[in-house]
Structure formats: structure tokens, C-alpha cells
Amino acid sequence: MRITLRLSSLFALVGLLFACSFSEHTESERVEWVHHSEWSAQTQFVEWPDVALRGLGVGFVRPEDRDIPPYQRPATDEFHIQAGEPFTTLLLLGTEDDEPYPVLISVFLDYEQVDFTMDGRQGVLHYLEIVPGVDMEIPLEVPIETSGWHDLSVIAFREPNSHPTDPQERLPPALAVGGRRTVVCAGDCAAPAQTLPAAFVGREADVQYTHVNAYPLLPDDGRPPKRRLLLSATVEPGEVFDLELWARNPNDRPEDYVVLPLLDFRQIPFAGSTVLHLHMPSGSELFIPGQIKLPKEEGVHELQFVIIFDAYQALDEVRDPFVNSVLRSALVVTAGK
């Protein structure tokens, strides 16, 4: 049985929580983040008896299916819309935590970060705290201008206000993203609406059993890659920062995926592109050198590389229908380091 909680009491709870947390944000974050402290009547908070929430849950539900129990709903691996229409659905968020859980929501359409509307408010990054013990069903709308096959991912960045500088607190899976993918066919799915950049191809190596999809490393200084993991670094304001992206595939089958570089949860160019396409043959390894232009604002800035497997493939055929990230690195911008 679907139990919809009273919105008035939840509004009061969420509003109080946001009022307490808002002062923690920097001025630049206040400008760039859409802060959700109240919800419209279209957003519902639903408790499903006998449905356990596990970890951080991100998903979709069609409005016409919201009264169907979660395990009986039609699949949401693919949506069909008319060419020129926006993609509209309900975004599902849930957490097994006992306390409201802070996340920053972003949408990537064809592997590029885009503006979208959530509960009637538009922006690139939407901050909220997930109410514990319920499914949050939030109206979501993403403009889609071109026809064809579109890959769409919703990413929830965990605890975006958490900025630990101790490398031990940055070890995986700390601060990893949660995310869900779907395919949106605008008009038809005859061909992808966009093309991927040329692939970086892994080279044969003695990779043994260490599986690394995309780890950021400090530049080569003679130490092995595992000793050069970029967990935390102190840098100068506005500095051009050198690093490497390390990938390897010890499996007996090839792997294809894209890697999206992000700084402070915004997509940025790295190694000449905002979307890195990797083709990793079995038993291969790859080091991609690149640079990042650091902000001038002092403080801790968040660097992250998000991984999405098997671009432009049906989700029942991909290695992973979710969105991944290995770690979140702290870049501590300090004048006169």
C-alpha cells in the first residue's frame, strides 16, 4: 500500500534543515546551486511498507506508474518522446540513513552537463537533503532539442559540503557518486544524437588483477601509480595543475567507457576534451596526461572523474546501468603554499 506523508509537516522539517545548512555555503555556491527548501504539491514523499531502502537510491518513475508498487513497475531503461519535446518524468531519491542526507543533483545529456528543471526550478546543480525513510518523487524536466538516441544520466553527488583534507578520508568509496542512466528516444532511436570523440586506446601491459577504471594521479616522479593517487594536494590560486588519469583492464574482455572530468561538480576540459572516450582491450593500461586550471578562490575544491560504461548501448546490454566514480580529490587552494 502506498502511503503519502503529509506535505505540510515535511515542508517544515526540510525548511528548518535548509535554514540551518544554508549558512555553510560559500557565496559562489549560493549563486550556482539551486537550493530546494520547499516543495510543490507535485513532489510527493511516499513510504512503501515492506520495501527496504538500501544506500543512496536514484531512479525514475513515470507519473502514471507512481501508484504501482516499486517492484511491479514497468522498466525505465528507455523513454520515447516526440522530437522537440522535453523529457519529463519523476526523479526518485531515497536513503537508508536515519538523518536527512545532503546531495547535489546534476543531469548529463549525451555525456554533457545540462540545465534542467526540478520541481519547477531551473539550474545546473540542485541542492537538497533527502528525507529519510521515504521515496521522494520529484518532477524532472530536461530540454532535448535534437532527434535521435540520447543517453541521459542523473547524478547525485554525496555530501557536497564535506571537504575533508585528510587523504585517508578520501580513499574509495568515500564521497562516491550515486547515479542512474536511461535512454531517451526523441522521435526515433535509429542513431545516436551525438558522436563520441576519438577513443584513447589502452596498451598491452602486465596489469595482473588490479582493476582501475579512472584514477587521478600526481605526475610521474618515479613512484608506482598506487603511490601517486591524487587524494589531496595543496595548490596556488589560479595555478595550472598537472596530473594523469590512470586506467587499466585486467579482465579477459575489452571495456569501453567515457570519463567525465568535474571540478566543483562542474564539467571541465581535461586532455583536450570534456568527454574522454576510453577503449581498453583485455590486459591493457593507459596513462592520460592533462592539466586543470585551478580557481582563484582559496579553500578546498573538489575534483572528480565520473565513469559511464558502454556509451549509446541499450541498458540491458551494458556492463553497468548506473554511474560510477572512484574517488573525489581535494585540491586545497592556498596563497603562498
Protein backbone atom coordinates (compact mmCIF):
# COMPACT_ATOMS: atom_id res chain seq x y z
CA MET A 1 0.00 0.00 0.00
CA ARG A 2 1.26 3.45 -0.93
CA ILE A 3 1.39 5.89 1.98
CA THR A 4 1.82 9.56 1.04
CA LEU A 5 3.04 11.59 4.00
CA ARG A 6 1.58 14.97 4.86
CA LEU A 7 3.49 17.58 2.87
CA SER A 8 2.99 20.38 5.38
CA SER A 9 4.98 18.65 8.12
CA LEU A 10 7.70 17.67 5.66
CA PHE A 11 7.92 21.22 4.33
CA ALA A 12 8.50 22.43 7.87
CA LEU A 13 11.16 19.78 8.51
CA VAL A 14 13.02 20.34 5.27
CA GLY A 15 12.77 24.13 5.58
CA LEU A 16 14.32 24.02 9.06
CA LEU A 17 17.14 21.77 7.88
CA PHE A 18 17.94 24.01 4.94
CA ALA A 19 17.86 27.14 7.06
CA CYS A 20 20.47 25.56 9.34
CA SER A 21 22.71 24.39 6.50
CA PHE A 22 22.46 27.37 4.14
CA SER A 23 24.99 29.46 6.04
CA GLU A 24 27.66 26.82 5.39
CA HIS A 25 27.71 27.51 1.64
CA THR A 26 30.12 29.97 0.04
CA GLU A 27 28.81 32.95 -1.92
CA SER A 28 29.75 31.33 -5.25
CA GLU A 29 27.87 28.15 -4.33
CA ARG A 30 24.78 30.17 -3.45
CA VAL A 31 24.82 31.65 -6.95
CA GLU A 32 25.43 28.38 -8.79
CA TRP A 33 23.37 25.96 -6.73
CA VAL A 34 19.58 25.90 -6.74
CA HIS A 35 18.64 25.28 -3.08
CA HIS A 36 15.40 23.38 -2.57
CA SER A 37 13.95 24.27 0.82
CA GLU A 38 10.25 23.92 -0.02
CA TRP A 39 8.43 21.56 -2.36
CA SER A 40 5.41 21.93 -4.59
CA ALA A 41 2.32 19.74 -4.36
CA GLN A 42 3.66 17.78 -7.37
CA THR A 43 6.55 16.44 -5.25
CA GLN A 44 5.44 13.59 -3.03
CA PHE A 45 7.07 11.74 -0.14
CA VAL A 46 5.97 8.11 -0.16
CA GLU A 47 6.53 5.31 2.30
CA TRP A 48 6.18 1.81 0.87
CA PRO A 49 5.63 -0.89 3.51
CA ASP A 50 7.91 -3.93 3.06
CA VAL A 51 10.21 -2.03 0.65
CA ALA A 52 13.64 -1.54 2.23
CA LEU A 53 15.80 1.40 1.21
CA ARG A 54 19.44 0.49 0.65
CA GLY A 55 22.22 3.02 0.43
CA LEU A 56 21.57 6.02 -1.78
CA GLY A 57 18.76 5.32 -4.23
CA VAL A 58 18.40 7.20 -7.53
CA GLY A 59 15.85 6.25 -10.17
CA PHE A 60 12.87 7.22 -12.32
CA VAL A 61 9.14 6.58 -12.33
CA ARG A 62 6.56 7.66 -14.89
CA PRO A 63 3.77 9.78 -13.36
CA GLU A 64 1.16 7.26 -14.48
CA ASP A 65 3.03 4.48 -12.62
CA ARG A 66 3.58 6.19 -9.27
CA ASP A 67 0.76 4.25 -7.57
CA ILE A 68 2.18 0.89 -8.65
CA PRO A 69 4.41 -0.80 -6.01
CA PRO A 70 8.10 -0.26 -6.87
CA TYR A 71 8.90 -3.91 -7.66
CA GLN A 72 5.95 -4.16 -10.07
CA ARG A 73 6.52 -1.00 -12.13
CA PRO A 74 7.45 -1.09 -15.82
CA ALA A 75 11.14 -0.70 -16.58
CA THR A 76 12.55 2.80 -17.01
CA ASP A 77 15.55 1.83 -19.15
CA GLU A 78 14.05 3.61 -22.15
CA PHE A 79 11.64 6.50 -22.74
CA HIS A 80 10.08 7.67 -26.01
CA ILE A 81 9.15 11.31 -26.65
CA GLN A 82 8.17 13.37 -29.68
CA ALA A 83 11.02 15.22 -31.43
CA GLY A 84 11.37 18.71 -29.97
CA GLU A 85 9.59 17.86 -26.71
CA PRO A 86 11.35 17.92 -23.33
CA PHE A 87 11.95 14.72 -21.38
CA THR A 88 9.69 14.71 -18.33
CA THR A 89 9.50 12.14 -15.56
CA LEU A 90 9.60 11.81 -11.78
CA LEU A 91 13.01 11.54 -10.17
CA LEU A 92 13.16 9.03 -7.31
CA LEU A 93 15.53 9.71 -4.41
CA GLY A 94 15.86 7.67 -1.23
CA THR A 95 18.34 6.94 1.52
CA GLU A 96 18.73 4.31 4.22
CA ASP A 97 20.29 6.93 6.52
CA ASP A 98 18.35 7.86 9.65
CA GLU A 99 19.06 11.56 9.09
CA PRO A 100 18.36 13.81 6.06
CA TYR A 101 21.11 13.16 3.54
CA PRO A 102 22.62 16.08 1.55
CA VAL A 103 23.14 15.65 -2.20
CA LEU A 104 23.76 17.80 -5.24
CA ILE A 105 21.79 16.67 -8.31
CA SER A 106 23.02 17.14 -11.88
CA VAL A 107 21.92 15.86 -15.31
CA PHE A 108 24.19 14.77 -18.16
CA LEU A 109 22.62 14.51 -21.61
CA ASP A 110 24.80 12.71 -24.15
CA TYR A 111 27.63 12.99 -21.59
CA GLU A 112 27.44 16.78 -21.35
CA GLN A 113 26.21 18.58 -18.23
CA VAL A 114 23.00 20.49 -18.97
CA ASP A 115 20.45 22.82 -17.37
CA PHE A 116 17.29 21.10 -16.19
CA THR A 117 14.18 21.84 -14.18
CA MET A 118 13.45 20.09 -10.89
CA ASP A 119 10.18 20.79 -9.09
CA GLY A 120 9.65 23.85 -11.28
CA ARG A 121 13.07 25.44 -10.69
CA GLN A 122 15.80 25.56 -13.35
CA GLY A 123 19.56 25.24 -12.94
CA VAL A 124 22.62 23.06 -13.48
CA LEU A 125 23.16 21.97 -9.86
CA HIS A 126 20.30 21.38 -7.41
CA TYR A 127 21.00 21.01 -3.68
CA LEU A 128 18.64 19.19 -1.36
CA GLU A 129 18.55 16.88 1.62
CA ILE A 130 16.88 13.52 1.02
CA VAL A 131 14.20 12.84 3.61
CA PRO A 132 14.91 9.50 5.34
CA GLY A 133 12.52 6.58 5.25
CA VAL A 134 10.57 7.60 2.14
CA ASP A 135 10.81 7.77 -1.65
CA MET A 136 10.97 11.36 -2.80
CA GLU A 137 9.16 11.66 -6.16
CA ILE A 138 10.26 14.96 -7.74
CA PRO A 139 9.15 16.32 -11.15
CA LEU A 140 12.10 16.45 -13.55
CA GLU A 141 12.26 18.09 -16.99
CA VAL A 142 15.21 18.11 -19.39
CA PRO A 143 15.10 20.04 -22.69
CA ILE A 144 16.06 17.91 -25.72
CA GLU A 145 16.48 19.83 -28.95
CA THR A 146 17.67 17.16 -31.41
CA SER A 147 16.02 13.94 -32.52
CA GLY A 148 17.56 10.50 -32.17
CA TRP A 149 19.02 8.33 -29.40
CA HIS A 150 20.03 10.21 -26.25
CA ASP A 151 21.84 8.80 -23.23
CA LEU A 152 20.73 10.60 -20.07
CA SER A 153 22.22 10.27 -16.59
CA VAL A 154 21.10 11.78 -13.30
CA ILE A 155 23.97 12.04 -10.83
CA ALA A 156 23.69 12.60 -7.08
CA PHE A 157 26.92 13.94 -5.59
CA ARG A 158 27.11 12.83 -1.97
CA GLU A 159 27.67 15.32 0.84
CA PRO A 160 28.72 18.23 -1.39
CA ASN A 161 29.57 20.39 1.65
CA SER A 162 32.00 17.80 3.02
CA HIS A 163 35.58 18.85 2.24
CA PRO A 164 38.00 16.63 4.21
CA THR A 165 41.70 17.21 3.52
CA ASP A 166 43.00 14.09 5.26
CA PRO A 167 43.91 11.67 2.42
CA GLN A 168 42.60 8.73 4.47
CA GLU A 169 39.13 10.26 4.40
CA ARG A 170 39.29 10.41 0.60
CA LEU A 171 40.01 6.74 -0.02
CA PRO A 172 37.35 4.91 -2.09
CA PRO A 173 34.43 4.56 -1.75
CA ALA A 174 34.25 7.78 0.30
CA LEU A 175 32.18 10.53 -1.38
CA ALA A 176 31.44 8.38 -4.42
CA VAL A 177 28.53 9.44 -6.61
CA GLY A 178 25.18 7.75 -6.95
CA GLY A 179 23.52 7.89 -10.32
CA ARG A 180 21.11 6.29 -12.75
CA ARG A 181 21.04 6.14 -16.55
CA THR A 182 18.26 5.90 -19.09
CA VAL A 183 17.81 6.11 -22.85
CA VAL A 184 15.56 8.81 -24.30
CA CYS A 185 14.42 8.34 -27.89
CA ALA A 186 13.35 11.67 -29.37
CA GLY A 187 11.39 10.77 -32.49
CA ASP A 188 13.30 7.54 -33.01
CA CYS A 189 16.36 5.63 -31.84
CA ALA A 190 17.84 4.93 -35.26
CA ALA A 191 21.15 6.64 -34.41
CA PRO A 192 22.80 8.47 -31.51
CA ALA A 193 22.10 12.18 -31.48
CA GLN A 194 25.79 12.92 -30.83
CA THR A 195 29.10 11.26 -31.66
CA LEU A 196 31.83 10.43 -29.17
CA PRO A 197 35.35 11.81 -29.52
CA ALA A 198 38.08 9.52 -30.80
CA ALA A 199 38.99 6.91 -28.21
CA PHE A 200 42.11 6.74 -26.10
CA VAL A 201 43.26 3.13 -26.52
CA GLY A 202 44.94 1.17 -23.76
CA ARG A 203 48.26 -0.53 -24.40
CA GLU A 204 49.16 -4.11 -23.54
CA ALA A 205 50.67 -4.32 -20.07
CA ASP A 206 51.19 -6.64 -17.12
CA VAL A 207 48.08 -5.48 -15.29
CA GLN A 208 47.66 -8.54 -13.06
CA TYR A 209 44.38 -8.19 -11.12
CA THR A 210 44.24 -4.52 -10.19
CA HIS A 211 41.09 -3.07 -11.74
CA VAL A 212 41.36 0.70 -12.25
CA ASN A 213 38.82 2.46 -14.46
CA ALA A 214 39.88 6.07 -13.91
CA TYR A 215 42.16 7.09 -11.05
CA PRO A 216 43.70 10.58 -10.92
CA LEU A 217 47.44 10.54 -10.23
CA LEU A 218 50.10 13.06 -9.38
CA PRO A 219 52.66 13.44 -12.23
CA ASP A 220 55.18 10.64 -12.69
CA ASP A 221 58.06 11.05 -10.24
CA GLY A 222 59.40 7.51 -10.32
CA ARG A 223 56.94 6.09 -7.78
CA PRO A 224 54.48 3.36 -8.83
CA PRO A 225 50.96 4.57 -9.74
CA LYS A 226 49.37 3.32 -6.50
CA ARG A 227 51.71 5.60 -4.54
CA ARG A 228 50.75 8.62 -6.64
CA LEU A 229 46.98 8.61 -6.11
CA LEU A 230 45.67 12.16 -6.05
CA LEU A 231 43.73 12.22 -2.79
CA SER A 232 44.65 15.68 -1.50
CA ALA A 233 47.05 18.36 -2.74
CA THR A 234 47.86 21.96 -1.76
CA VAL A 235 47.99 24.32 -4.74
CA GLU A 236 48.29 28.01 -5.61
CA PRO A 237 45.28 30.14 -6.66
CA GLY A 238 44.82 30.12 -10.43
CA GLU A 239 47.59 27.58 -10.91
CA VAL A 240 47.72 25.24 -13.90
CA PHE A 241 47.83 21.85 -12.21
CA ASP A 242 49.37 18.80 -13.91
CA LEU A 243 48.06 15.30 -13.31
CA GLU A 244 47.49 11.96 -15.03
CA LEU A 245 44.44 9.77 -15.46
CA TRP A 246 45.25 6.09 -14.94
CA ALA A 247 43.15 3.29 -16.40
CA ARG A 248 43.69 -0.46 -16.69
CA ASN A 249 41.66 -3.51 -17.62
CA PRO A 250 42.74 -6.91 -16.22
CA ASN A 251 39.58 -8.64 -17.49
CA ASP A 252 39.50 -11.15 -20.34
CA ARG A 253 37.18 -8.93 -22.40
CA PRO A 254 37.58 -5.35 -23.68
CA GLU A 255 35.90 -2.43 -21.98
CA ASP A 256 34.58 0.83 -23.43
CA TYR A 257 33.51 3.77 -21.30
CA VAL A 258 33.51 7.53 -21.07
CA VAL A 259 35.08 9.58 -18.31
CA LEU A 260 33.69 13.00 -17.38
CA PRO A 261 36.11 15.38 -15.57
CA LEU A 262 34.49 17.62 -12.95
CA LEU A 263 35.78 20.43 -10.76
CA ASP A 264 33.47 21.66 -8.00
CA PHE A 265 30.77 19.47 -9.59
CA ARG A 266 31.01 21.32 -12.92
CA GLN A 267 32.19 19.61 -16.10
CA ILE A 268 35.59 20.87 -17.26
CA PRO A 269 38.02 20.07 -20.10
CA PHE A 270 40.89 17.67 -19.43
CA ALA A 271 43.37 16.39 -22.00
CA GLY A 272 41.60 18.44 -24.66
CA SER A 273 38.01 17.35 -24.06
CA THR A 274 35.12 17.46 -21.60
CA VAL A 275 34.34 13.85 -22.52
CA LEU A 276 37.12 11.25 -22.55
CA HIS A 277 36.33 8.10 -24.51
CA LEU A 278 38.42 5.09 -23.42
CA HIS A 279 38.77 1.77 -25.21
CA MET A 280 40.60 -0.71 -23.01
CA PRO A 281 41.50 -4.07 -24.59
CA SER A 282 41.90 -7.03 -22.29
CA GLY A 283 45.14 -6.78 -20.31
CA SER A 284 45.77 -3.12 -21.17
CA GLU A 285 46.83 0.00 -19.31
CA LEU A 286 46.66 3.71 -20.10
CA PHE A 287 48.06 6.96 -18.69
CA ILE A 288 46.47 10.18 -19.96
CA PRO A 289 48.35 13.37 -19.00
CA GLY A 290 46.40 16.59 -18.66
CA GLN A 291 46.09 19.91 -16.88
CA ILE A 292 43.43 21.67 -14.82
CA LYS A 293 43.12 25.42 -14.39
CA LEU A 294 42.50 25.97 -10.69
CA PRO A 295 40.14 28.58 -9.26
CA LYS A 296 41.46 31.78 -7.69
CA GLU A 297 39.23 31.37 -4.62
CA GLU A 298 41.04 29.93 -1.62
CA GLY A 299 39.58 26.85 0.04
CA VAL A 300 39.00 23.19 -0.77
CA HIS A 301 37.93 22.45 -4.36
CA GLU A 302 36.54 19.08 -5.39
CA LEU A 303 37.99 17.15 -8.35
CA GLN A 304 36.16 14.08 -9.60
CA PHE A 305 36.18 11.79 -12.65
CA VAL A 306 32.80 10.17 -13.35
CA ILE A 307 32.63 6.91 -15.31
CA ILE A 308 29.81 5.71 -17.59
CA PHE A 309 30.18 2.34 -19.32
CA ASP A 310 29.19 1.37 -22.86
CA ALA A 311 28.02 4.63 -24.39
CA TYR A 312 24.96 4.52 -26.65
CA GLN A 313 24.02 0.94 -25.91
CA ALA A 314 20.74 -0.47 -24.63
CA LEU A 315 20.91 -0.61 -20.86
CA ASP A 316 20.08 -4.31 -20.73
CA GLU A 317 23.31 -4.88 -22.67
CA VAL A 318 25.73 -2.64 -20.76
CA ARG A 319 28.15 -3.66 -18.06
CA ASP A 320 26.58 -1.25 -15.57
CA PRO A 321 23.34 0.79 -15.82
CA PHE A 322 24.50 3.05 -13.00
CA VAL A 323 27.01 5.91 -12.84
CA ASN A 324 30.34 5.44 -11.09
CA SER A 325 33.24 7.39 -9.67
CA VAL A 326 36.34 6.07 -7.99
CA LEU A 327 37.18 8.91 -5.65
CA ARG A 328 36.86 12.64 -5.02
CA SER A 329 40.13 14.54 -4.69
CA ALA A 330 40.70 17.60 -2.52
CA LEU A 331 42.58 20.47 -4.15
CA VAL A 332 43.38 22.90 -1.33
CA VAL A 333 43.90 26.34 -2.87
CA THR A 334 46.12 28.40 -0.56
CA ALA A 335 48.07 31.54 -1.42
CA GLY A 336 51.76 31.16 -0.62
CA LYS A 337 51.58 27.41 -0.13
